[in-house]
PDB file of N, CA and C in Angstrom:
ATOM      1  N   MET A   1       9.820   3.548   5.778  1.00  0.00           N
ATOM      2  CA  MET A   1       8.919   3.076   4.739  1.00  0.00           C
ATOM      3  C   MET A   1       9.704   2.890   3.446  1.00  0.00           C
ATOM      4  N   GLY A   2       9.449   1.764   2.825  1.00  0.00           N
ATOM      5  CA  GLY A   2      10.084   1.475   1.550  1.00  0.00           C
ATOM      6  C   GLY A   2       9.053   0.962   0.567  1.00  0.00           C
ATOM      7  N   ILE A   3       9.525   0.672  -0.605  1.00  0.00           N
ATOM      8  CA  ILE A   3       8.628   0.140  -1.623  1.00  0.00           C
ATOM      9  C   ILE A   3       8.209  -1.282  -1.259  1.00  0.00           C
ATOM     10  N   LEU A   4       9.110  -2.050  -0.676  1.00  0.00           N
ATOM     11  CA  LEU A   4       8.818  -3.443  -0.345  1.00  0.00           C
ATOM     12  C   LEU A   4       8.327  -3.643   1.085  1.00  0.00           C
ATOM     13  N   TRP A   5       8.693  -2.773   1.993  1.00  0.00           N
ATOM     14  CA  TRP A   5       8.301  -2.949   3.394  1.00  0.00           C
ATOM     15  C   TRP A   5       7.755  -1.661   3.951  1.00  0.00           C
ATOM     16  N   GLU A   6       6.859  -1.797   4.942  1.00  0.00           N
ATOM     17  CA  GLU A   6       6.253  -0.591   5.501  1.00  0.00           C
ATOM     18  C   GLU A   6       6.837  -0.207   6.854  1.00  0.00           C
ATOM     19  N   ASN A   7       7.263  -1.153   7.661  1.00  0.00           N
ATOM     20  CA  ASN A   7       7.807  -0.826   8.980  1.00  0.00           C
ATOM     21  C   ASN A   7       9.322  -0.876   8.986  1.00  0.00           C
ATOM     22  N   SER A   8       9.879  -2.047   8.758  1.00  0.00           N
ATOM     23  CA  SER A   8      11.328  -2.182   8.713  1.00  0.00           C
ATOM     24  C   SER A   8      11.698  -3.337   7.798  1.00  0.00           C
ATOM     25  N   PHE A   9      12.918  -3.303   7.323  1.00  0.00           N
ATOM     26  CA  PHE A   9      13.391  -4.378   6.463  1.00  0.00           C
ATOM     27  C   PHE A   9      13.428  -5.698   7.214  1.00  0.00           C
ATOM     28  N   MET A  10      13.819  -5.678   8.473  1.00  0.00           N
ATOM     29  CA  MET A  10      13.914  -6.912   9.256  1.00  0.00           C
ATOM     30  C   MET A  10      12.537  -7.560   9.419  1.00  0.00           C
ATOM     31  N   THR A  11      11.506  -6.760   9.615  1.00  0.00           N
ATOM     32  CA  THR A  11      10.146  -7.297   9.710  1.00  0.00           C
ATOM     33  C   THR A  11       9.743  -7.934   8.388  1.00  0.00           C
ATOM     34  N   PHE A  12      10.020  -7.257   7.281  1.00  0.00           N
ATOM     35  CA  PHE A  12       9.722  -7.803   5.958  1.00  0.00           C
ATOM     36  C   PHE A  12      10.480  -9.103   5.741  1.00  0.00           C
ATOM     37  N   LEU A  13      11.754  -9.112   6.077  1.00  0.00           N
ATOM     38  CA  LEU A  13      12.576 -10.307   5.888  1.00  0.00           C
ATOM     39  C   LEU A  13      12.050 -11.470   6.724  1.00  0.00           C
ATOM     40  N   PHE A  14      11.740 -11.213   7.990  1.00  0.00           N
ATOM     41  CA  PHE A  14      11.291 -12.274   8.884  1.00  0.00           C
ATOM     42  C   PHE A  14       9.905 -12.796   8.516  1.00  0.00           C
ATOM     43  N   VAL A  15       8.934 -11.902   8.389  1.00  0.00           N
ATOM     44  CA  VAL A  15       7.546 -12.334   8.187  1.00  0.00           C
ATOM     45  C   VAL A  15       7.302 -12.758   6.739  1.00  0.00           C
ATOM     46  N   THR A  16       7.655 -11.926   5.796  1.00  0.00           N
ATOM     47  CA  THR A  16       7.315 -12.212   4.399  1.00  0.00           C
ATOM     48  C   THR A  16       8.241 -13.246   3.784  1.00  0.00           C
ATOM     49  N   VAL A  17       9.539 -13.026   3.896  1.00  0.00           N
ATOM     50  CA  VAL A  17      10.479 -13.899   3.197  1.00  0.00           C
ATOM     51  C   VAL A  17      10.691 -15.215   3.933  1.00  0.00           C
ATOM     52  N   ILE A  18      10.995 -15.148   5.228  1.00  0.00           N
ATOM     53  CA  ILE A  18      11.324 -16.378   5.958  1.00  0.00           C
ATOM     54  C   ILE A  18      10.076 -17.181   6.310  1.00  0.00           C
ATOM     55  N   ILE A  19       9.099 -16.557   6.959  1.00  0.00           N
ATOM     56  CA  ILE A  19       7.899 -17.293   7.372  1.00  0.00           C
ATOM     57  C   ILE A  19       7.002 -17.584   6.161  1.00  0.00           C
ATOM     58  N   GLY A  20       6.570 -16.536   5.448  1.00  0.00           N
ATOM     59  CA  GLY A  20       5.681 -16.726   4.303  1.00  0.00           C
ATOM     60  C   GLY A  20       6.354 -17.474   3.164  1.00  0.00           C
ATOM     61  N   GLY A  21       7.594 -17.100   2.861  1.00  0.00           N
ATOM     62  CA  GLY A  21       8.324 -17.775   1.788  1.00  0.00           C
ATOM     63  C   GLY A  21       8.630 -19.217   2.124  1.00  0.00           C
ATOM     64  N   GLY A  22       8.965 -19.480   3.378  1.00  0.00           N
ATOM     65  CA  GLY A  22       9.212 -20.866   3.789  1.00  0.00           C
ATOM     66  C   GLY A  22       7.967 -21.721   3.665  1.00  0.00           C
ATOM     67  N   ALA A  23       6.838 -21.186   4.097  1.00  0.00           N
ATOM     68  CA  ALA A  23       5.576 -21.919   3.953  1.00  0.00           C
ATOM     69  C   ALA A  23       5.226 -22.093   2.480  1.00  0.00           C
ATOM     70  N   GLY A  24       5.480 -21.071   1.679  1.00  0.00           N
ATOM     71  CA  GLY A  24       5.219 -21.169   0.251  1.00  0.00           C
ATOM     72  C   GLY A  24       6.112 -22.194  -0.430  1.00  0.00           C
ATOM     73  N   TYR A  25       7.375 -22.239  -0.046  1.00  0.00           N
ATOM     74  CA  TYR A  25       8.305 -23.215  -0.613  1.00  0.00           C
ATOM     75  C   TYR A  25       7.836 -24.636  -0.316  1.00  0.00           C
ATOM     76  N   LEU A  26       7.450 -24.867   0.929  1.00  0.00           N
ATOM     77  CA  LEU A  26       6.963 -26.196   1.307  1.00  0.00           C
ATOM     78  C   LEU A  26       5.651 -26.533   0.607  1.00  0.00           C
ATOM     79  N   ALA A  27       4.782 -25.559   0.449  1.00  0.00           N
ATOM     80  CA  ALA A  27       3.526 -25.790  -0.269  1.00  0.00           C
ATOM     81  C   ALA A  27       3.795 -26.097  -1.740  1.00  0.00           C
ATOM     82  N   GLY A  28       4.733 -25.395  -2.326  1.00  0.00           N
ATOM     83  CA  GLY A  28       5.091 -25.663  -3.718  1.00  0.00           C
ATOM     84  C   GLY A  28       5.630 -27.073  -3.896  1.00  0.00           C
ATOM     85  N   ARG A  29       6.474 -27.496  -2.978  1.00  0.00           N
ATOM     86  CA  ARG A  29       6.983 -28.871  -3.027  1.00  0.00           C
ATOM     87  C   ARG A  29       5.853 -29.876  -2.886  1.00  0.00           C
ATOM     88  N   SER A  30       4.938 -29.611  -1.973  1.00  0.00           N
ATOM     89  CA  SER A  30       3.834 -30.534  -1.730  1.00  0.00           C
ATOM     90  C   SER A  30       2.906 -30.639  -2.935  1.00  0.00           C
ATOM     91  N   LEU A  31       2.547 -29.515  -3.513  1.00  0.00           N
ATOM     92  CA  LEU A  31       1.653 -29.551  -4.670  1.00  0.00           C
ATOM     93  C   LEU A  31       2.328 -30.204  -5.877  1.00  0.00           C
ATOM     94  N   ALA A  32       3.614 -29.983  -6.061  1.00  0.00           N
ATOM     95  CA  ALA A  32       4.328 -30.650  -7.154  1.00  0.00           C
ATOM     96  C   ALA A  32       4.405 -32.150  -6.909  1.00  0.00           C
ATOM     97  N   SER A  33       4.626 -32.552  -5.683  1.00  0.00           N
ATOM     98  CA  SER A  33       4.695 -33.977  -5.356  1.00  0.00           C
ATOM     99  C   SER A  33       3.383 -34.694  -5.618  1.00  0.00           C
ATOM    100  N   ASN A  34       2.282 -33.986  -5.478  1.00  0.00           N
ATOM    101  CA  ASN A  34       0.965 -34.562  -5.716  1.00  0.00           C
ATOM    102  C   ASN A  34       0.445 -34.278  -7.123  1.00  0.00           C
ATOM    103  N   TRP A  35       1.310 -33.789  -8.011  1.00  0.00           N
ATOM    104  CA  TRP A  35       1.007 -33.536  -9.418  1.00  0.00           C
ATOM    105  C   TRP A  35      -0.155 -32.563  -9.590  1.00  0.00           C
ATOM    106  N   ARG A  36      -0.217 -31.549  -8.731  1.00  0.00           N
ATOM    107  CA  ARG A  36      -1.255 -30.519  -8.839  1.00  0.00           C
ATOM    108  C   ARG A  36      -0.797 -29.447  -9.826  1.00  0.00           C
ATOM    109  N   PRO A  37      -1.734 -28.770 -10.481  1.00  0.00           N
ATOM    110  CA  PRO A  37      -1.360 -27.751 -11.471  1.00  0.00           C
ATOM    111  C   PRO A  37      -0.908 -26.439 -10.802  1.00  0.00           C
ATOM    112  N   ILE A  38      -0.173 -25.653 -11.558  1.00  0.00           N
ATOM    113  CA  ILE A  38       0.349 -24.381 -11.047  1.00  0.00           C
ATOM    114  C   ILE A  38      -0.758 -23.396 -10.682  1.00  0.00           C
ATOM    115  N   PRO A  39      -1.873 -23.287 -11.430  1.00  0.00           N
ATOM    116  CA  PRO A  39      -2.922 -22.353 -11.000  1.00  0.00           C
ATOM    117  C   PRO A  39      -3.455 -22.653  -9.590  1.00  0.00           C
ATOM    118  N   GLN A  40      -3.498 -23.911  -9.220  1.00  0.00           N
ATOM    119  CA  GLN A  40      -3.921 -24.255  -7.864  1.00  0.00           C
ATOM    120  C   GLN A  40      -2.902 -23.741  -6.845  1.00  0.00           C
ATOM    121  N   LEU A  41      -1.631 -23.848  -7.162  1.00  0.00           N
ATOM    122  CA  LEU A  41      -0.576 -23.326  -6.293  1.00  0.00           C
ATOM    123  C   LEU A  41      -0.721 -21.818  -6.128  1.00  0.00           C
ATOM    124  N   ILE A  42      -0.955 -21.113  -7.211  1.00  0.00           N
ATOM    125  CA  ILE A  42      -1.071 -19.656  -7.138  1.00  0.00           C
ATOM    126  C   ILE A  42      -2.285 -19.247  -6.316  1.00  0.00           C
ATOM    127  N   PHE A  43      -3.394 -19.965  -6.457  1.00  0.00           N
ATOM    128  CA  PHE A  43      -4.572 -19.685  -5.636  1.00  0.00           C
ATOM    129  C   PHE A  43      -4.249 -19.826  -4.149  1.00  0.00           C
ATOM    130  N   PHE A  44      -3.588 -20.914  -3.781  1.00  0.00           N
ATOM    131  CA  PHE A  44      -3.244 -21.117  -2.376  1.00  0.00           C
ATOM    132  C   PHE A  44      -2.253 -20.066  -1.870  1.00  0.00           C
ATOM    133  N   MET A  45      -1.372 -19.607  -2.736  1.00  0.00           N
ATOM    134  CA  MET A  45      -0.402 -18.597  -2.318  1.00  0.00           C
ATOM    135  C   MET A  45      -1.049 -17.234  -2.132  1.00  0.00           C
ATOM    136  N   MET A  46      -2.120 -16.961  -2.871  1.00  0.00           N
ATOM    137  CA  MET A  46      -2.872 -15.720  -2.643  1.00  0.00           C
ATOM    138  C   MET A  46      -3.501 -15.745  -1.245  1.00  0.00           C
ATOM    139  N   LEU A  47      -3.980 -16.910  -0.838  1.00  0.00           N
ATOM    140  CA  LEU A  47      -4.520 -17.043   0.520  1.00  0.00           C
ATOM    141  C   LEU A  47      -3.411 -16.917   1.563  1.00  0.00           C
ATOM    142  N   LEU A  48      -2.269 -17.514   1.289  1.00  0.00           N
ATOM    143  CA  LEU A  48      -1.145 -17.400   2.216  1.00  0.00           C
ATOM    144  C   LEU A  48      -0.673 -15.954   2.329  1.00  0.00           C
ATOM    145  N   ALA A  49      -0.709 -15.222   1.233  1.00  0.00           N
ATOM    146  CA  ALA A  49      -0.321 -13.804   1.274  1.00  0.00           C
ATOM    147  C   ALA A  49      -1.269 -13.004   2.167  1.00  0.00           C
ATOM    148  N   LEU A  50      -2.539 -13.384   2.195  1.00  0.00           N
ATOM    149  CA  LEU A  50      -3.472 -12.744   3.138  1.00  0.00           C
ATOM    150  C   LEU A  50      -3.060 -13.009   4.584  1.00  0.00           C
ATOM    151  N   ALA A  51      -2.642 -14.229   4.863  1.00  0.00           N
ATOM    152  CA  ALA A  51      -2.182 -14.564   6.217  1.00  0.00           C
ATOM    153  C   ALA A  51      -0.911 -13.791   6.568  1.00  0.00           C
ATOM    154  N   VAL A  52      -0.004 -13.664   5.617  1.00  0.00           N
ATOM    155  CA  VAL A  52       1.226 -12.893   5.846  1.00  0.00           C
ATOM    156  C   VAL A  52       0.881 -11.435   6.140  1.00  0.00           C
ATOM    157  N   ARG A  53      -0.055 -10.877   5.381  1.00  0.00           N
ATOM    158  CA  ARG A  53      -0.487  -9.496   5.613  1.00  0.00           C
ATOM    159  C   ARG A  53      -1.094  -9.357   7.008  1.00  0.00           C
ATOM    160  N   PHE A  54      -1.870 -10.365   7.441  1.00  0.00           N
ATOM    161  CA  PHE A  54      -2.446 -10.326   8.781  1.00  0.00           C
ATOM    162  C   PHE A  54      -1.355 -10.378   9.845  1.00  0.00           C
ATOM    163  N   PHE A  55      -0.311 -11.174   9.641  1.00  0.00           N
ATOM    164  CA  PHE A  55       0.797 -11.209  10.610  1.00  0.00           C
ATOM    165  C   PHE A  55       1.470  -9.849  10.722  1.00  0.00           C
ATOM    166  N   HIS A  56       1.663  -9.187   9.594  1.00  0.00           N
ATOM    167  CA  HIS A  56       2.235  -7.836   9.638  1.00  0.00           C
ATOM    168  C   HIS A  56       1.340  -6.904  10.461  1.00  0.00           C
ATOM    169  N   PHE A  57       0.040  -7.031  10.265  1.00  0.00           N
ATOM    170  CA  PHE A  57      -0.920  -6.189  10.973  1.00  0.00           C
ATOM    171  C   PHE A  57      -0.969  -6.519  12.464  1.00  0.00           C
ATOM    172  N   ALA A  58      -1.124  -7.783  12.800  1.00  0.00           N
ATOM    173  CA  ALA A  58      -1.341  -8.186  14.184  1.00  0.00           C
ATOM    174  C   ALA A  58      -0.081  -8.111  15.041  1.00  0.00           C
ATOM    175  N   LEU A  59       1.062  -8.423  14.472  1.00  0.00           N
ATOM    176  CA  LEU A  59       2.281  -8.496  15.270  1.00  0.00           C
ATOM    177  C   LEU A  59       3.161  -7.260  15.186  1.00  0.00           C
ATOM    178  N   PHE A  60       3.115  -6.546  14.062  1.00  0.00           N
ATOM    179  CA  PHE A  60       4.060  -5.456  13.860  1.00  0.00           C
ATOM    180  C   PHE A  60       3.396  -4.141  13.488  1.00  0.00           C
ATOM    181  N   ASP A  61       2.106  -3.987  13.779  1.00  0.00           N
ATOM    182  CA  ASP A  61       1.371  -2.750  13.569  1.00  0.00           C
ATOM    183  C   ASP A  61       1.408  -2.283  12.113  1.00  0.00           C
ATOM    184  N   GLY A  62       1.319  -3.248  11.199  1.00  0.00           N
ATOM    185  CA  GLY A  62       1.270  -2.917   9.778  1.00  0.00           C
ATOM    186  C   GLY A  62      -0.149  -2.612   9.345  1.00  0.00           C
ATOM    187  N   THR A  63      -0.301  -2.295   8.085  1.00  0.00           N
ATOM    188  CA  THR A  63      -1.612  -1.997   7.515  1.00  0.00           C
ATOM    189  C   THR A  63      -2.233  -3.296   7.011  1.00  0.00           C
ATOM    190  N   LEU A  64      -3.440  -3.583   7.470  1.00  0.00           N
ATOM    191  CA  LEU A  64      -4.097  -4.827   7.071  1.00  0.00           C
ATOM    192  C   LEU A  64      -4.591  -4.758   5.631  1.00  0.00           C
ATOM    193  N   LEU A  65      -5.308  -3.711   5.298  1.00  0.00           N
ATOM    194  CA  LEU A  65      -5.936  -3.599   3.985  1.00  0.00           C
ATOM    195  C   LEU A  65      -5.145  -2.664   3.070  1.00  0.00           C
ATOM    196  N   SER A  66      -3.943  -3.078   2.753  1.00  0.00           N
ATOM    197  CA  SER A  66      -3.094  -2.312   1.849  1.00  0.00           C
ATOM    198  C   SER A  66      -2.852  -3.149   0.595  1.00  0.00           C
ATOM    199  N   LEU A  67      -3.401  -2.715  -0.514  1.00  0.00           N
ATOM    200  CA  LEU A  67      -3.243  -3.454  -1.762  1.00  0.00           C
ATOM    201  C   LEU A  67      -1.777  -3.505  -2.184  1.00  0.00           C
ATOM    202  N   HIS A  68      -1.075  -2.409  -2.020  1.00  0.00           N
ATOM    203  CA  HIS A  68       0.326  -2.346  -2.416  1.00  0.00           C
ATOM    204  C   HIS A  68       1.153  -3.408  -1.692  1.00  0.00           C
ATOM    205  N   TYR A  69       1.059  -3.448  -0.377  1.00  0.00           N
ATOM    206  CA  TYR A  69       1.868  -4.399   0.385  1.00  0.00           C
ATOM    207  C   TYR A  69       1.350  -5.825   0.254  1.00  0.00           C
ATOM    208  N   TYR A  70       0.061  -6.003  -0.017  1.00  0.00           N
ATOM    209  CA  TYR A  70      -0.448  -7.340  -0.299  1.00  0.00           C
ATOM    210  C   TYR A  70       0.157  -7.866  -1.595  1.00  0.00           C
ATOM    211  N   VAL A  71       0.237  -7.027  -2.610  1.00  0.00           N
ATOM    212  CA  VAL A  71       0.822  -7.444  -3.888  1.00  0.00           C
ATOM    213  C   VAL A  71       2.296  -7.793  -3.702  1.00  0.00           C
ATOM    214  N   VAL A  72       3.012  -7.013  -2.901  1.00  0.00           N
ATOM    215  CA  VAL A  72       4.417  -7.310  -2.631  1.00  0.00           C
ATOM    216  C   VAL A  72       4.542  -8.651  -1.917  1.00  0.00           C
ATOM    217  N   ASP A  73       3.745  -8.852  -0.856  1.00  0.00           N
ATOM    218  CA  ASP A  73       3.785 -10.123  -0.119  1.00  0.00           C
ATOM    219  C   ASP A  73       3.419 -11.289  -1.032  1.00  0.00           C
ATOM    220  N   ALA A  74       2.392 -11.113  -1.847  1.00  0.00           N
ATOM    221  CA  ALA A  74       1.955 -12.177  -2.750  1.00  0.00           C
ATOM    222  C   ALA A  74       3.035 -12.495  -3.782  1.00  0.00           C
ATOM    223  N   ALA A  75       3.689 -11.488  -4.314  1.00  0.00           N
ATOM    224  CA  ALA A  75       4.739 -11.719  -5.308  1.00  0.00           C
ATOM    225  C   ALA A  75       5.899 -12.509  -4.709  1.00  0.00           C
ATOM    226  N   VAL A  76       6.287 -12.169  -3.492  1.00  0.00           N
ATOM    227  CA  VAL A  76       7.377 -12.889  -2.828  1.00  0.00           C
ATOM    228  C   VAL A  76       6.974 -14.331  -2.556  1.00  0.00           C
ATOM    229  N   VAL A  77       5.789 -14.531  -2.000  1.00  0.00           N
ATOM    230  CA  VAL A  77       5.332 -15.874  -1.642  1.00  0.00           C
ATOM    231  C   VAL A  77       5.133 -16.730  -2.893  1.00  0.00           C
ATOM    232  N   VAL A  78       4.533 -16.174  -3.933  1.00  0.00           N
ATOM    233  CA  VAL A  78       4.327 -16.929  -5.178  1.00  0.00           C
ATOM    234  C   VAL A  78       5.672 -17.276  -5.813  1.00  0.00           C
ATOM    235  N   GLY A  79       6.588 -16.327  -5.833  1.00  0.00           N
ATOM    236  CA  GLY A  79       7.901 -16.589  -6.424  1.00  0.00           C
ATOM    237  C   GLY A  79       8.649 -17.708  -5.725  1.00  0.00           C
ATOM    238  N   ILE A  80       8.667 -17.678  -4.414  1.00  0.00           N
ATOM    239  CA  ILE A  80       9.368 -18.719  -3.661  1.00  0.00           C
ATOM    240  C   ILE A  80       8.650 -20.057  -3.787  1.00  0.00           C
ATOM    241  N   SER A  81       7.314 -20.039  -3.819  1.00  0.00           N
ATOM    242  CA  SER A  81       6.579 -21.297  -3.966  1.00  0.00           C
ATOM    243  C   SER A  81       6.806 -21.906  -5.347  1.00  0.00           C
ATOM    244  N   LEU A  82       6.899 -21.076  -6.381  1.00  0.00           N
ATOM    245  CA  LEU A  82       7.185 -21.589  -7.717  1.00  0.00           C
ATOM    246  C   LEU A  82       8.590 -22.191  -7.795  1.00  0.00           C
ATOM    247  N   LEU A  83       9.519 -21.637  -7.037  1.00  0.00           N
ATOM    248  CA  LEU A  83      10.859 -22.213  -6.957  1.00  0.00           C
ATOM    249  C   LEU A  83      10.793 -23.627  -6.378  1.00  0.00           C
ATOM    250  N   GLY A  84      10.101 -23.785  -5.258  1.00  0.00           N
ATOM    251  CA  GLY A  84       9.947 -25.114  -4.670  1.00  0.00           C
ATOM    252  C   GLY A  84       9.221 -26.070  -5.588  1.00  0.00           C
ATOM    253  N   TYR A  85       8.204 -25.574  -6.277  1.00  0.00           N
ATOM    254  CA  TYR A  85       7.427 -26.390  -7.217  1.00  0.00           C
ATOM    255  C   TYR A  85       8.317 -26.894  -8.347  1.00  0.00           C
ATOM    256  N   ARG A  86       9.064 -25.995  -8.944  1.00  0.00           N
ATOM    257  CA  ARG A  86       9.880 -26.366 -10.110  1.00  0.00           C
ATOM    258  C   ARG A  86      11.010 -27.312  -9.732  1.00  0.00           C
ATOM    259  N   LEU A  87      11.683 -27.048  -8.620  1.00  0.00           N
ATOM    260  CA  LEU A  87      12.763 -27.943  -8.198  1.00  0.00           C
ATOM    261  C   LEU A  87      12.239 -29.348  -7.931  1.00  0.00           C
ATOM    262  N   THR A  88      11.070 -29.434  -7.322  1.00  0.00           N
ATOM    263  CA  THR A  88      10.468 -30.734  -7.041  1.00  0.00           C
ATOM    264  C   THR A  88      10.022 -31.420  -8.318  1.00  0.00           C
ATOM    265  N   ARG A  89       9.433 -30.674  -9.247  1.00  0.00           N
ATOM    266  CA  ARG A  89       8.970 -31.267 -10.498  1.00  0.00           C
ATOM    267  C   ARG A  89      10.147 -31.815 -11.315  1.00  0.00           C
ATOM    268  N   VAL A  90      11.262 -31.096 -11.349  1.00  0.00           N
ATOM    269  CA  VAL A  90      12.446 -31.577 -12.067  1.00  0.00           C
ATOM    270  C   VAL A  90      12.949 -32.866 -11.433  1.00  0.00           C
ATOM    271  N   ARG A  91      13.011 -32.893 -10.117  1.00  0.00           N
ATOM    272  CA  ARG A  91      13.456 -34.102  -9.428  1.00  0.00           C
ATOM    273  C   ARG A  91      12.515 -35.265  -9.719  1.00  0.00           C
ATOM    274  N   GLN A  92      11.209 -35.013  -9.730  1.00  0.00           N
ATOM    275  CA  GLN A  92      10.239 -36.059 -10.053  1.00  0.00           C
ATOM    276  C   GLN A  92      10.465 -36.618 -11.453  1.00  0.00           C
ATOM    277  N   MET A  93      10.614 -35.755 -12.403  1.00  0.00           N
ATOM    278  CA  MET A  93      10.721 -36.194 -13.792  1.00  0.00           C
ATOM    279  C   MET A  93      11.986 -37.021 -14.030  1.00  0.00           C
ATOM    280  N   VAL A  94      13.101 -36.626 -13.415  1.00  0.00           N
ATOM    281  CA  VAL A  94      14.346 -37.359 -13.676  1.00  0.00           C
ATOM    282  C   VAL A  94      14.486 -38.596 -12.798  1.00  0.00           C
ATOM    283  N   THR A  95      13.700 -38.732 -11.742  1.00  0.00           N
ATOM    284  CA  THR A  95      13.767 -39.956 -10.942  1.00  0.00           C
ATOM    285  C   THR A  95      12.670 -40.940 -11.323  1.00  0.00           C
ATOM    286  N   GLN A  96      11.454 -40.468 -11.533  1.00  0.00           N
ATOM    287  CA  GLN A  96      10.362 -41.378 -11.862  1.00  0.00           C
ATOM    288  C   GLN A  96      10.392 -41.820 -13.324  1.00  0.00           C
ATOM    289  N   TYR A  97      10.969 -41.023 -14.181  1.00  0.00           N
ATOM    290  CA  TYR A  97      11.062 -41.355 -15.601  1.00  0.00           C
ATOM    291  C   TYR A  97      12.523 -41.318 -16.037  1.00  0.00           C
ATOM    292  N   ARG A  98      13.372 -41.984 -15.293  1.00  0.00           N
ATOM    293  CA  ARG A  98      14.818 -41.894 -15.540  1.00  0.00           C
ATOM    294  C   ARG A  98      15.228 -42.501 -16.875  1.00  0.00           C
ATOM    295  N   TRP A  99      14.415 -43.383 -17.453  1.00  0.00           N
ATOM    296  CA  TRP A  99      14.733 -43.953 -18.762  1.00  0.00           C
ATOM    297  C   TRP A  99      14.402 -42.974 -19.891  1.00  0.00           C
ATOM    298  N   LEU A 100      13.604 -41.940 -19.603  1.00  0.00           N
ATOM    299  CA  LEU A 100      13.226 -40.968 -20.627  1.00  0.00           C
ATOM    300  C   LEU A 100      13.956 -39.637 -20.502  1.00  0.00           C
ATOM    301  N   TYR A 101      14.177 -39.186 -19.256  1.00  0.00           N
ATOM    302  CA  TYR A 101      14.662 -37.819 -19.044  1.00  0.00           C
ATOM    303  C   TYR A 101      15.925 -37.791 -18.202  1.00  0.00           C
ATOM    304  N   GLU A 102      16.708 -36.761 -18.431  1.00  0.00           N
ATOM    305  CA  GLU A 102      17.887 -36.482 -17.618  1.00  0.00           C
ATOM    306  C   GLU A 102      17.865 -35.006 -17.232  1.00  0.00           C
ATOM    307  N   ARG A 103      18.532 -34.705 -16.137  1.00  0.00           N
ATOM    308  CA  ARG A 103      18.563 -33.330 -15.645  1.00  0.00           C
ATOM    309  C   ARG A 103      19.362 -32.464 -16.616  1.00  0.00           C
ATOM    310  N   ALA A 104      18.826 -31.291 -16.903  1.00  0.00           N
ATOM    311  CA  ALA A 104      19.500 -30.338 -17.785  1.00  0.00           C
ATOM    312  C   ALA A 104      19.792 -29.047 -17.031  1.00  0.00           C
ATOM    313  N   GLY A 105      19.937 -29.136 -15.740  1.00  0.00           N
ATOM    314  CA  GLY A 105      20.155 -27.979 -14.885  1.00  0.00           C
ATOM    315  C   GLY A 105      19.219 -28.064 -13.700  1.00  0.00           C
ATOM    316  N   PRO A 106      19.288 -27.118 -12.795  1.00  0.00           N
ATOM    317  CA  PRO A 106      18.438 -27.203 -11.607  1.00  0.00           C
ATOM    318  C   PRO A 106      16.957 -26.976 -11.894  1.00  0.00           C
ATOM    319  N   PHE A 107      16.623 -26.328 -13.013  1.00  0.00           N
ATOM    320  CA  PHE A 107      15.232 -25.984 -13.287  1.00  0.00           C
ATOM    321  C   PHE A 107      14.654 -26.664 -14.520  1.00  0.00           C
ATOM    322  N   SER A 108      15.366 -27.598 -15.122  1.00  0.00           N
ATOM    323  CA  SER A 108      14.841 -28.215 -16.340  1.00  0.00           C
ATOM    324  C   SER A 108      15.369 -29.637 -16.519  1.00  0.00           C
ATOM    325  N   TRP A 109      14.699 -30.353 -17.398  1.00  0.00           N
ATOM    326  CA  TRP A 109      15.113 -31.688 -17.785  1.00  0.00           C
ATOM    327  C   TRP A 109      15.037 -31.770 -19.302  1.00  0.00           C
ATOM    328  N   ARG A 110      15.683 -32.785 -19.850  1.00  0.00           N
ATOM    329  CA  ARG A 110      15.626 -32.993 -21.297  1.00  0.00           C
ATOM    330  C   ARG A 110      15.489 -34.484 -21.571  1.00  0.00           C
ATOM    331  N   GLU A 111      15.026 -34.772 -22.762  1.00  0.00           N
ATOM    332  CA  GLU A 111      14.860 -36.149 -23.179  1.00  0.00           C
ATOM    333  C   GLU A 111      16.239 -36.777 -23.396  1.00  0.00           C
ATOM    334  N   LYS A 112      16.407 -38.015 -22.935  1.00  0.00           N
ATOM    335  CA  LYS A 112      17.674 -38.704 -23.153  1.00  0.00           C
ATOM    336  C   LYS A 112      17.818 -39.057 -24.619  1.00  0.00           C
ATOM    337  N   LYS A 113      19.048 -39.115 -25.060  1.00  0.00           N
ATOM    338  CA  LYS A 113      19.329 -39.479 -26.457  1.00  0.00           C
ATOM    339  C   LYS A 113      18.854 -40.909 -26.703  1.00  0.00           C
ATOM    340  N   GLY A 114      18.063 -41.121 -27.739  1.00  0.00           N
ATOM    341  CA  GLY A 114      17.591 -42.445 -28.091  1.00  0.00           C
ATOM    342  C   GLY A 114      16.434 -42.960 -27.255  1.00  0.00           C
ATOM    343  N   ALA A 115      15.891 -42.120 -26.369  1.00  0.00           N
ATOM    344  CA  ALA A 115      14.815 -42.579 -25.486  1.00  0.00           C
ATOM    345  C   ALA A 115      13.440 -42.231 -26.038  1.00  0.00           C
ATOM    346  N   GLY A 116      13.363 -41.307 -26.964  1.00  0.00           N
ATOM    347  CA  GLY A 116      12.072 -40.800 -27.436  1.00  0.00           C
ATOM    348  C   GLY A 116      11.253 -41.788 -28.246  1.00  0.00           C
ATOM    349  N   GLY A 117      11.818 -42.391 -29.189  1.00  0.00           N
ATOM    350  CA  GLY A 117      11.002 -43.330 -29.952  1.00  0.00           C
ATOM    351  C   GLY A 117      11.218 -43.316 -31.402  1.00  0.00           C
TER     352      GLY A 117
END
């Protein structure tokens, strides 16, 4: 038992990080591509965290109704989904508005010199 996992680290890594985080990353990319707001992403990730908690319960004899481990699963899934969201949003801004913005790193963009007005 650990602070982040209840059965084993490998179970946490496989179910929460790889399966849940992978689904969250793809969901974040999808919602950013469709110009959806971040609160909608967080709502969907709370639902996904419930599914991750159920996988821990059904497949690995974890606790279904554990607030502590639900919060851990939700934090991991939301964090990874926000990563996918932000990377996609930066790519959108610098490709769709290339006359206005340029990449300022992997997580941000900036206005091009002389493009503002």
